C-alpha atoms as a PDB file:
ATOM      1  CA  MET A   1      17.565  58.445   8.062  1.00  0.00           C
ATOM      2  CA  THR A   2      17.905  61.664   6.098  1.00  0.00           C
ATOM      3  CA  GLU A   3      16.802  64.915   7.695  1.00  0.00           C
ATOM      4  CA  TYR A   4      14.488  67.001   5.530  1.00  0.00           C
ATOM      5  CA  ASN A   5      13.832  70.721   5.757  1.00  0.00           C
ATOM      6  CA  PRO A   6      10.240  71.101   7.101  1.00  0.00           C
ATOM      7  CA  ARG A   7       9.637  74.136   4.875  1.00  0.00           C
ATOM      8  CA  HIS A   8      10.605  72.133   1.808  1.00  0.00           C
ATOM      9  CA  LEU A   9       8.305  69.270   2.824  1.00  0.00           C
ATOM     10  CA  LEU A  10       5.271  71.556   3.033  1.00  0.00           C
ATOM     11  CA  ASP A  11       5.634  72.442  -0.650  1.00  0.00           C
ATOM     12  CA  LEU A  12       5.740  68.822  -1.833  1.00  0.00           C
ATOM     13  CA  VAL A  13       2.098  67.940  -1.132  1.00  0.00           C
ATOM     14  CA  LEU A  14      -0.174  69.973  -3.408  1.00  0.00           C
ATOM     15  CA  ARG A  15      -3.694  68.767  -2.558  1.00  0.00           C
ATOM     16  CA  PRO A  16      -5.663  65.721  -1.426  1.00  0.00           C
ATOM     17  CA  VAL A  17      -7.560  63.909  -4.172  1.00  0.00           C
ATOM     18  CA  VAL A  18     -11.282  63.531  -3.524  1.00  0.00           C
ATOM     19  CA  THR A  19     -12.720  61.177  -6.128  1.00  0.00           C
ATOM     20  CA  GLU A  20     -14.982  58.173  -5.876  1.00  0.00           C
ATOM     21  CA  LYS A  21     -12.038  55.794  -6.076  1.00  0.00           C
ATOM     22  CA  ALA A  22     -10.040  57.778  -3.510  1.00  0.00           C
ATOM     23  CA  THR A  23     -12.911  57.732  -1.009  1.00  0.00           C
ATOM     24  CA  LEU A  24     -13.207  53.950  -1.419  1.00  0.00           C
ATOM     25  CA  LEU A  25      -9.472  53.660  -0.680  1.00  0.00           C
ATOM     26  CA  MET A  26      -9.972  55.623   2.562  1.00  0.00           C
ATOM     27  CA  GLU A  27     -11.837  52.604   3.954  1.00  0.00           C
ATOM     28  CA  GLN A  28      -8.574  50.631   3.596  1.00  0.00           C
ATOM     29  CA  ASN A  29      -6.665  53.448   5.382  1.00  0.00           C
ATOM     30  CA  LYS A  30      -5.117  54.655   2.097  1.00  0.00           C
ATOM     31  CA  TYR A  31      -5.126  58.341   1.191  1.00  0.00           C
ATOM     32  CA  VAL A  32      -4.431  59.882  -2.225  1.00  0.00           C
ATOM     33  CA  PHE A  33      -2.536  63.159  -2.731  1.00  0.00           C
ATOM     34  CA  ASP A  34      -1.260  65.125  -5.711  1.00  0.00           C
ATOM     35  CA  VAL A  35       2.418  65.867  -5.155  1.00  0.00           C
ATOM     36  CA  LYS A  36       5.161  67.681  -7.031  1.00  0.00           C
ATOM     37  CA  LYS A  37       6.591  65.743  -9.936  1.00  0.00           C
ATOM     38  CA  SER A  38      10.096  65.855  -8.452  1.00  0.00           C
ATOM     39  CA  ALA A  39       9.041  64.388  -5.074  1.00  0.00           C
ATOM     40  CA  THR A  40      10.529  61.037  -4.055  1.00  0.00           C
ATOM     41  CA  LYS A  41       8.855  58.365  -1.921  1.00  0.00           C
ATOM     42  CA  PRO A  42      10.958  59.061   1.218  1.00  0.00           C
ATOM     43  CA  GLU A  43      10.231  62.793   0.881  1.00  0.00           C
ATOM     44  CA  ILE A  44       6.489  62.139   0.479  1.00  0.00           C
ATOM     45  CA  LYS A  45       6.529  59.867   3.543  1.00  0.00           C
ATOM     46  CA  ALA A  46       8.321  62.509   5.631  1.00  0.00           C
ATOM     47  CA  ALA A  47       5.968  65.251   4.401  1.00  0.00           C
ATOM     48  CA  ILE A  48       2.769  63.342   5.269  1.00  0.00           C
ATOM     49  CA  GLU A  49       4.132  62.319   8.676  1.00  0.00           C
ATOM     50  CA  ASN A  50       5.130  65.929   9.371  1.00  0.00           C
ATOM     51  CA  LEU A  51       1.893  67.522   8.130  1.00  0.00           C
ATOM     52  CA  PHE A  52      -0.675  65.188   9.681  1.00  0.00           C
ATOM     53  CA  GLU A  53       1.325  63.642  12.569  1.00  0.00           C
ATOM     54  CA  VAL A  54       0.620  60.047  11.503  1.00  0.00           C
ATOM     55  CA  SER A  55       2.866  57.074  10.784  1.00  0.00           C
ATOM     56  CA  VAL A  56       3.118  56.058   7.121  1.00  0.00           C
ATOM     57  CA  VAL A  57       3.572  52.376   6.332  1.00  0.00           C
ATOM     58  CA  LYS A  58       3.846  52.528   2.535  1.00  0.00           C
ATOM     59  CA  VAL A  59       3.927  55.048  -0.335  1.00  0.00           C
ATOM     60  CA  ASN A  60       2.934  54.172  -3.901  1.00  0.00           C
ATOM     61  CA  THR A  61       3.369  56.745  -6.670  1.00  0.00           C
ATOM     62  CA  LEU A  62       2.080  56.968 -10.209  1.00  0.00           C
ATOM     63  CA  LEU A  63       2.775  59.333 -13.081  1.00  0.00           C
ATOM     64  CA  PRO A  64      -0.251  59.293 -15.412  1.00  0.00           C
ATOM     65  CA  PRO A  65       0.288  60.092 -19.122  1.00  0.00           C
ATOM     66  CA  ARG A  66      -0.216  63.671 -20.292  1.00  0.00           C
ATOM     67  CA  LYS A  67      -3.535  64.517 -21.942  1.00  0.00           C
ATOM     68  CA  LYS A  68      -3.838  66.588 -25.106  1.00  0.00           C
ATOM     69  CA  ARG A  69      -5.946  69.739 -25.026  1.00  0.00           C
ATOM     70  CA  ARG A  70      -6.997  71.870 -27.952  1.00  0.00           C
ATOM     71  CA  VAL A  71      -7.789  75.584 -27.736  1.00  0.00           C
ATOM     72  CA  GLY A  72      -9.049  76.710 -31.118  1.00  0.00           C
ATOM     73  CA  ARG A  73      -6.525  75.556 -33.680  1.00  0.00           C
ATOM     74  CA  PHE A  74      -3.684  75.260 -31.164  1.00  0.00           C
ATOM     75  CA  LEU A  75      -2.803  71.879 -29.726  1.00  0.00           C
ATOM     76  CA  GLY A  76      -1.211  71.623 -26.296  1.00  0.00           C
ATOM     77  CA  TYR A  77      -0.912  69.389 -23.274  1.00  0.00           C
ATOM     78  CA  LYS A  78      -2.248  69.544 -19.751  1.00  0.00           C
ATOM     79  CA  PRO A  79       0.495  69.881 -17.135  1.00  0.00           C
ATOM     80  CA  GLN A  80       1.896  66.603 -15.859  1.00  0.00           C
ATOM     81  CA  TYR A  81       1.552  65.697 -12.180  1.00  0.00           C
ATOM     82  CA  LYS A  82       2.429  62.896  -9.801  1.00  0.00           C
ATOM     83  CA  ARG A  83      -0.058  61.144  -7.548  1.00  0.00           C
ATOM     84  CA  ALA A  84       0.844  59.414  -4.296  1.00  0.00           C
ATOM     85  CA  ILE A  85      -1.220  56.735  -2.537  1.00  0.00           C
ATOM     86  CA  VAL A  86      -0.186  56.719   1.124  1.00  0.00           C
ATOM     87  CA  THR A  87      -0.976  53.760   3.382  1.00  0.00           C
ATOM     88  CA  LEU A  88      -1.177  54.637   7.081  1.00  0.00           C
ATOM     89  CA  ALA A  89      -0.765  52.465  10.142  1.00  0.00           C
ATOM     90  CA  SER A  90      -4.002  50.841  11.319  1.00  0.00           C
ATOM     91  CA  GLU A  91      -4.356  53.102  14.375  1.00  0.00           C
ATOM     92  CA  ASP A  92      -3.889  56.377  12.407  1.00  0.00           C
ATOM     93  CA  SER A  93      -6.265  58.338  10.192  1.00  0.00           C
ATOM     94  CA  ILE A  94      -6.431  61.708   8.449  1.00  0.00           C
ATOM     95  CA  THR A  95      -9.522  63.897   8.693  1.00  0.00           C
ATOM     96  CA  LEU A  96     -10.007  65.392   5.236  1.00  0.00           C
ATOM     97  CA  PHE A  97     -13.598  66.466   5.896  1.00  0.00           C
ATOM     98  CA  PRO A  98     -13.883  68.171   9.287  1.00  0.00           C
ATOM     99  CA  ASP A  99     -17.414  68.464  10.656  1.00  0.00           C
ATOM    100  CA  VAL A 100     -18.832  71.703   9.320  1.00  0.00           C
END
């Protein structure tokens, strides 16, 4: 197994995704994160295991198409991102919403 620099792994995961679909996936022990576009599946797995101290069973990634945005007469694109759906072992979980 390849050793990864822990400081590099912290920068890979940008933010957890909190949408209606993502919260429904949490019931199946799947969590959704936005990650850097250059991140690979083994790096994402190592980053999640390092950050949250859980065991990752599977990592699925998707690269959605870029969306056009217009500002006045100028046409541009929103920045592209990568999304990772991480499946955890049945005994593990991540607390995204701590009791406030």
